[in-house]
PDB file of N, CA and C in Angstrom:
ATOM      1  N   MET A   1      84.188  45.252 152.008  1.00  0.00           N
ATOM      2  CA  MET A   1      82.889  44.703 152.355  1.00  0.00           C
ATOM      3  C   MET A   1      83.116  43.516 153.289  1.00  0.00           C
ATOM      4  N   THR A   2      82.388  43.479 154.364  1.00  0.00           N
ATOM      5  CA  THR A   2      82.546  42.382 155.318  1.00  0.00           C
ATOM      6  C   THR A   2      81.821  41.144 154.821  1.00  0.00           C
ATOM      7  N   GLY A   3      82.167  40.009 155.384  1.00  0.00           N
ATOM      8  CA  GLY A   3      81.506  38.764 155.008  1.00  0.00           C
ATOM      9  C   GLY A   3      80.015  38.814 155.243  1.00  0.00           C
ATOM     10  N   ASP A   4      79.627  39.400 156.372  1.00  0.00           N
ATOM     11  CA  ASP A   4      78.201  39.484 156.678  1.00  0.00           C
ATOM     12  C   ASP A   4      77.465  40.350 155.670  1.00  0.00           C
ATOM     13  N   SER A   5      78.059  41.467 155.254  1.00  0.00           N
ATOM     14  CA  SER A   5      77.348  42.367 154.346  1.00  0.00           C
ATOM     15  C   SER A   5      77.188  41.766 152.959  1.00  0.00           C
ATOM     16  N   TRP A   6      78.214  41.091 152.426  1.00  0.00           N
ATOM     17  CA  TRP A   6      78.028  40.507 151.096  1.00  0.00           C
ATOM     18  C   TRP A   6      77.083  39.324 151.145  1.00  0.00           C
ATOM     19  N   ARG A   7      77.095  38.584 152.242  1.00  0.00           N
ATOM     20  CA  ARG A   7      76.147  37.474 152.356  1.00  0.00           C
ATOM     21  C   ARG A   7      74.716  37.991 152.451  1.00  0.00           C
ATOM     22  N   GLU A   8      74.536  39.051 153.230  1.00  0.00           N
ATOM     23  CA  GLU A   8      73.195  39.637 153.355  1.00  0.00           C
ATOM     24  C   GLU A   8      72.728  40.231 152.031  1.00  0.00           C
ATOM     25  N   ARG A   9      73.620  40.884 151.328  1.00  0.00           N
ATOM     26  CA  ARG A   9      73.257  41.455 150.019  1.00  0.00           C
ATOM     27  C   ARG A   9      72.863  40.350 149.040  1.00  0.00           C
ATOM     28  N   ARG A  10      73.637  39.258 149.022  1.00  0.00           N
ATOM     29  CA  ARG A  10      73.324  38.127 148.142  1.00  0.00           C
ATOM     30  C   ARG A  10      71.959  37.548 148.495  1.00  0.00           C
ATOM     31  N   ARG A  11      71.722  37.371 149.777  1.00  0.00           N
ATOM     32  CA  ARG A  11      70.430  36.816 150.202  1.00  0.00           C
ATOM     33  C   ARG A  11      69.279  37.726 149.800  1.00  0.00           C
ATOM     34  N   ALA A  12      69.460  39.029 149.939  1.00  0.00           N
ATOM     35  CA  ALA A  12      68.411  39.980 149.553  1.00  0.00           C
ATOM     36  C   ALA A  12      68.128  39.901 148.058  1.00  0.00           C
ATOM     37  N   LEU A  13      69.159  39.775 147.254  1.00  0.00           N
ATOM     38  CA  LEU A  13      68.969  39.681 145.806  1.00  0.00           C
ATOM     39  C   LEU A  13      68.278  38.378 145.406  1.00  0.00           C
ATOM     40  N   LEU A  14      68.550  37.305 146.134  1.00  0.00           N
ATOM     41  CA  LEU A  14      67.977  36.004 145.788  1.00  0.00           C
ATOM     42  C   LEU A  14      66.557  35.819 146.309  1.00  0.00           C
ATOM     43  N   ARG A  15      66.105  36.670 147.211  1.00  0.00           N
ATOM     44  CA  ARG A  15      64.757  36.542 147.760  1.00  0.00           C
ATOM     45  C   ARG A  15      63.676  36.585 146.685  1.00  0.00           C
ATOM     46  N   ASP A  16      63.926  37.330 145.615  1.00  0.00           N
ATOM     47  CA  ASP A  16      62.933  37.488 144.554  1.00  0.00           C
ATOM     48  C   ASP A  16      62.907  36.319 143.580  1.00  0.00           C
ATOM     49  N   ASP A  17      63.880  35.429 143.632  1.00  0.00           N
ATOM     50  CA  ASP A  17      63.951  34.302 142.697  1.00  0.00           C
ATOM     51  C   ASP A  17      64.187  33.009 143.479  1.00  0.00           C
ATOM     52  N   PRO A  18      63.100  32.354 143.923  1.00  0.00           N
ATOM     53  CA  PRO A  18      63.246  31.154 144.755  1.00  0.00           C
ATOM     54  C   PRO A  18      64.048  30.030 144.093  1.00  0.00           C
ATOM     55  N   ALA A  19      63.878  29.829 142.792  1.00  0.00           N
ATOM     56  CA  ALA A  19      64.618  28.759 142.112  1.00  0.00           C
ATOM     57  C   ALA A  19      66.116  29.061 142.118  1.00  0.00           C
ATOM     58  N   GLU A  20      66.467  30.289 141.834  1.00  0.00           N
ATOM     59  CA  GLU A  20      67.878  30.686 141.848  1.00  0.00           C
ATOM     60  C   GLU A  20      68.434  30.639 143.268  1.00  0.00           C
ATOM     61  N   ALA A  21      67.624  31.010 144.225  1.00  0.00           N
ATOM     62  CA  ALA A  21      68.054  30.953 145.619  1.00  0.00           C
ATOM     63  C   ALA A  21      68.361  29.515 146.033  1.00  0.00           C
ATOM     64  N   GLU A  22      67.527  28.588 145.616  1.00  0.00           N
ATOM     65  CA  GLU A  22      67.757  27.174 145.937  1.00  0.00           C
ATOM     66  C   GLU A  22      69.020  26.661 145.257  1.00  0.00           C
ATOM     67  N   ARG A  23      69.212  27.040 143.997  1.00  0.00           N
ATOM     68  CA  ARG A  23      70.412  26.623 143.271  1.00  0.00           C
ATOM     69  C   ARG A  23      71.663  27.180 143.955  1.00  0.00           C
ATOM     70  N   ALA A  24      71.613  28.442 144.324  1.00  0.00           N
ATOM     71  CA  ALA A  24      72.752  29.067 144.999  1.00  0.00           C
ATOM     72  C   ALA A  24      73.014  28.408 146.354  1.00  0.00           C
ATOM     73  N   ALA A  25      71.960  28.087 147.068  1.00  0.00           N
ATOM     74  CA  ALA A  25      72.115  27.438 148.373  1.00  0.00           C
ATOM     75  C   ALA A  25      72.779  26.074 148.233  1.00  0.00           C
ATOM     76  N   ARG A  26      72.371  25.308 147.219  1.00  0.00           N
ATOM     77  CA  ARG A  26      72.997  23.995 146.991  1.00  0.00           C
ATOM     78  C   ARG A  26      74.477  24.144 146.650  1.00  0.00           C
ATOM     79  N   LEU A  27      74.784  25.106 145.784  1.00  0.00           N
ATOM     80  CA  LEU A  27      76.172  25.333 145.405  1.00  0.00           C
ATOM     81  C   LEU A  27      77.010  25.764 146.608  1.00  0.00           C
ATOM     82  N   LEU A  28      76.493  26.706 147.387  1.00  0.00           N
ATOM     83  CA  LEU A  28      77.223  27.160 148.567  1.00  0.00           C
ATOM     84  C   LEU A  28      77.402  26.045 149.585  1.00  0.00           C
ATOM     85  N   ASP A  29      76.408  25.179 149.697  1.00  0.00           N
ATOM     86  CA  ASP A  29      76.525  24.044 150.603  1.00  0.00           C
ATOM     87  C   ASP A  29      77.642  23.115 150.138  1.00  0.00           C
ATOM     88  N   GLN A  30      77.708  22.874 148.825  1.00  0.00           N
ATOM     89  CA  GLN A  30      78.769  22.026 148.277  1.00  0.00           C
ATOM     90  C   GLN A  30      80.144  22.648 148.509  1.00  0.00           C
ATOM     91  N   LEU A  31      80.223  23.958 148.353  1.00  0.00           N
ATOM     92  CA  LEU A  31      81.498  24.654 148.527  1.00  0.00           C
ATOM     93  C   LEU A  31      81.861  24.870 149.987  1.00  0.00           C
ATOM     94  N   GLY A  32      80.862  24.868 150.847  1.00  0.00           N
ATOM     95  CA  GLY A  32      81.095  25.081 152.268  1.00  0.00           C
ATOM     96  C   GLY A  32      81.418  26.520 152.623  1.00  0.00           C
ATOM     97  N   THR A  33      81.041  27.471 151.769  1.00  0.00           N
ATOM     98  CA  THR A  33      81.414  28.862 152.024  1.00  0.00           C
ATOM     99  C   THR A  33      80.614  29.502 153.139  1.00  0.00           C
ATOM    100  N   GLU A  34      79.428  29.038 153.419  1.00  0.00           N
ATOM    101  CA  GLU A  34      78.626  29.651 154.480  1.00  0.00           C
ATOM    102  C   GLU A  34      79.277  29.477 155.852  1.00  0.00           C
ATOM    103  N   ASP A  35      80.068  28.427 156.001  1.00  0.00           N
ATOM    104  CA  ASP A  35      80.687  28.138 157.293  1.00  0.00           C
ATOM    105  C   ASP A  35      82.093  28.713 157.420  1.00  0.00           C
ATOM    106  N   ARG A  36      82.534  29.461 156.426  1.00  0.00           N
ATOM    107  CA  ARG A  36      83.902  29.968 156.424  1.00  0.00           C
ATOM    108  C   ARG A  36      83.904  31.490 156.489  1.00  0.00           C
ATOM    109  N   ASP A  37      84.914  32.043 157.131  1.00  0.00           N
ATOM    110  CA  ASP A  37      85.008  33.502 157.178  1.00  0.00           C
ATOM    111  C   ASP A  37      85.768  34.016 155.955  1.00  0.00           C
ATOM    112  N   ASP A  38      85.730  35.319 155.764  1.00  0.00           N
ATOM    113  CA  ASP A  38      86.350  35.931 154.585  1.00  0.00           C
ATOM    114  C   ASP A  38      87.838  35.621 154.478  1.00  0.00           C
ATOM    115  N   GLU A  39      88.542  35.644 155.593  1.00  0.00           N
ATOM    116  CA  GLU A  39      89.981  35.397 155.567  1.00  0.00           C
ATOM    117  C   GLU A  39      90.290  33.984 155.085  1.00  0.00           C
ATOM    118  N   GLU A  40      89.511  33.018 155.531  1.00  0.00           N
ATOM    119  CA  GLU A  40      89.726  31.634 155.109  1.00  0.00           C
ATOM    120  C   GLU A  40      89.443  31.471 153.619  1.00  0.00           C
ATOM    121  N   ILE A  41      88.367  32.077 153.152  1.00  0.00           N
ATOM    122  CA  ILE A  41      88.017  32.002 151.733  1.00  0.00           C
ATOM    123  C   ILE A  41      89.105  32.667 150.894  1.00  0.00           C
ATOM    124  N   GLU A  42      89.560  33.838 151.312  1.00  0.00           N
ATOM    125  CA  GLU A  42      90.612  34.549 150.570  1.00  0.00           C
ATOM    126  C   GLU A  42      91.906  33.751 150.567  1.00  0.00           C
ATOM    127  N   ALA A  43      92.246  33.114 151.671  1.00  0.00           N
ATOM    128  CA  ALA A  43      93.458  32.292 151.727  1.00  0.00           C
ATOM    129  C   ALA A  43      93.369  31.137 150.735  1.00  0.00           C
ATOM    130  N   ASP A  44      92.210  30.509 150.623  1.00  0.00           N
ATOM    131  CA  ASP A  44      92.027  29.438 149.646  1.00  0.00           C
ATOM    132  C   ASP A  44      92.168  29.952 148.221  1.00  0.00           C
ATOM    133  N   HIS A  45      91.603  31.135 147.950  1.00  0.00           N
ATOM    134  CA  HIS A  45      91.729  31.724 146.613  1.00  0.00           C
ATOM    135  C   HIS A  45      93.195  31.997 146.279  1.00  0.00           C
ATOM    136  N   ARG A  46      93.906  32.572 147.236  1.00  0.00           N
ATOM    137  CA  ARG A  46      95.325  32.863 147.005  1.00  0.00           C
ATOM    138  C   ARG A  46      96.120  31.587 146.775  1.00  0.00           C
ATOM    139  N   ALA A  47      95.838  30.560 147.556  1.00  0.00           N
ATOM    140  CA  ALA A  47      96.551  29.289 147.401  1.00  0.00           C
ATOM    141  C   ALA A  47      96.275  28.673 146.035  1.00  0.00           C
ATOM    142  N   SER A  48      95.030  28.743 145.573  1.00  0.00           N
ATOM    143  CA  SER A  48      94.716  28.157 144.267  1.00  0.00           C
ATOM    144  C   SER A  48      95.359  28.954 143.138  1.00  0.00           C
ATOM    145  N   ARG A  49      95.406  30.287 143.272  1.00  0.00           N
ATOM    146  CA  ARG A  49      96.072  31.106 142.247  1.00  0.00           C
ATOM    147  C   ARG A  49      97.573  30.827 142.230  1.00  0.00           C
ATOM    148  N   LEU A  50      98.172  30.667 143.393  1.00  0.00           N
ATOM    149  CA  LEU A  50      99.592  30.356 143.474  1.00  0.00           C
ATOM    150  C   LEU A  50      99.877  28.993 142.852  1.00  0.00           C
ATOM    151  N   ALA A  51      99.042  28.006 143.155  1.00  0.00           N
ATOM    152  CA  ALA A  51      99.221  26.672 142.577  1.00  0.00           C
ATOM    153  C   ALA A  51      99.091  26.717 141.056  1.00  0.00           C
ATOM    154  N   ALA A  52      98.136  27.494 140.553  1.00  0.00           N
ATOM    155  CA  ALA A  52      97.962  27.614 139.103  1.00  0.00           C
ATOM    156  C   ALA A  52      99.179  28.275 138.468  1.00  0.00           C
ATOM    157  N   ALA A  53      99.701  29.299 139.107  1.00  0.00           N
ATOM    158  CA  ALA A  53     100.885  29.978 138.574  1.00  0.00           C
ATOM    159  C   ALA A  53     102.079  29.036 138.562  1.00  0.00           C
ATOM    160  N   ARG A  54     102.254  28.294 139.620  1.00  0.00           N
ATOM    161  CA  ARG A  54     103.367  27.340 139.673  1.00  0.00           C
ATOM    162  C   ARG A  54     103.209  26.254 138.623  1.00  0.00           C
ATOM    163  N   SER A  55     101.989  25.790 138.425  1.00  0.00           N
ATOM    164  CA  SER A  55     101.731  24.765 137.420  1.00  0.00           C
ATOM    165  C   SER A  55     102.064  25.287 136.028  1.00  0.00           C
ATOM    166  N   THR A  56     101.695  26.525 135.762  1.00  0.00           N
ATOM    167  CA  THR A  56     101.981  27.138 134.468  1.00  0.00           C
ATOM    168  C   THR A  56     103.482  27.246 134.249  1.00  0.00           C
ATOM    169  N   LEU A  57     104.208  27.599 135.289  1.00  0.00           N
ATOM    170  CA  LEU A  57     105.652  27.748 135.170  1.00  0.00           C
ATOM    171  C   LEU A  57     106.358  26.412 134.990  1.00  0.00           C
ATOM    172  N   ARG A  58     105.734  25.337 135.379  1.00  0.00           N
ATOM    173  CA  ARG A  58     106.362  24.014 135.299  1.00  0.00           C
ATOM    174  C   ARG A  58     105.982  23.248 134.037  1.00  0.00           C
ATOM    175  N   THR A  59     105.267  23.863 133.133  1.00  0.00           N
ATOM    176  CA  THR A  59     104.862  23.157 131.918  1.00  0.00           C
ATOM    177  C   THR A  59     106.093  22.835 131.082  1.00  0.00           C
ATOM    178  N   PRO A  60     106.055  21.712 130.336  1.00  0.00           N
ATOM    179  CA  PRO A  60     107.195  21.338 129.496  1.00  0.00           C
ATOM    180  C   PRO A  60     107.542  22.462 128.525  1.00  0.00           C
ATOM    181  N   GLY A  61     108.836  22.690 128.363  1.00  0.00           N
ATOM    182  CA  GLY A  61     109.287  23.730 127.453  1.00  0.00           C
ATOM    183  C   GLY A  61     109.404  25.088 128.096  1.00  0.00           C
ATOM    184  N   SER A  62     108.963  25.200 129.328  1.00  0.00           N
ATOM    185  CA  SER A  62     109.052  26.477 130.023  1.00  0.00           C
ATOM    186  C   SER A  62     110.492  26.726 130.428  1.00  0.00           C
ATOM    187  N   THR A  63     110.933  27.953 130.242  1.00  0.00           N
ATOM    188  CA  THR A  63     112.299  28.295 130.634  1.00  0.00           C
ATOM    189  C   THR A  63     112.334  29.020 131.960  1.00  0.00           C
ATOM    190  N   LYS A  64     111.172  29.262 132.525  1.00  0.00           N
ATOM    191  CA  LYS A  64     111.103  29.975 133.795  1.00  0.00           C
ATOM    192  C   LYS A  64     111.185  28.991 134.951  1.00  0.00           C
ATOM    193  N   SER A  65     111.651  29.460 136.059  1.00  0.00           N
ATOM    194  CA  SER A  65     111.716  28.661 137.272  1.00  0.00           C
ATOM    195  C   SER A  65     110.872  29.322 138.339  1.00  0.00           C
ATOM    196  N   CYS A  66     110.232  28.519 139.164  1.00  0.00           N
ATOM    197  CA  CYS A  66     109.406  29.093 140.221  1.00  0.00           C
ATOM    198  C   CYS A  66     110.075  28.937 141.578  1.00  0.00           C
ATOM    199  N   GLY A  67     111.378  28.757 141.594  1.00  0.00           N
ATOM    200  CA  GLY A  67     112.069  28.682 142.872  1.00  0.00           C
ATOM    201  C   GLY A  67     112.520  27.278 143.179  1.00  0.00           C
ATOM    202  N   SER A  68     113.088  27.126 144.335  1.00  0.00           N
ATOM    203  CA  SER A  68     113.578  25.811 144.733  1.00  0.00           C
ATOM    204  C   SER A  68     112.441  24.944 145.214  1.00  0.00           C
ATOM    205  N   ASP A  69     112.532  23.698 144.942  1.00  0.00           N
ATOM    206  CA  ASP A  69     111.500  22.731 145.366  1.00  0.00           C
ATOM    207  C   ASP A  69     112.019  21.859 146.465  1.00  0.00           C
TER     208      ASP A  69
END
């Protein structure tokens, strides 16, 4: 699904609920997702998942290593 199609689908679904549409608009404005393309958003998701995995591996008592630092 392209960025335009999921955004259009979301907008169509929110048209029937003005309060929810306003809440979603505020949240998206805070996140800045309307100004970003799919690749940029996906790269951020991947980076956050990688950071979470590395953090989990570095917890005290962990015997696993996540590579050289």
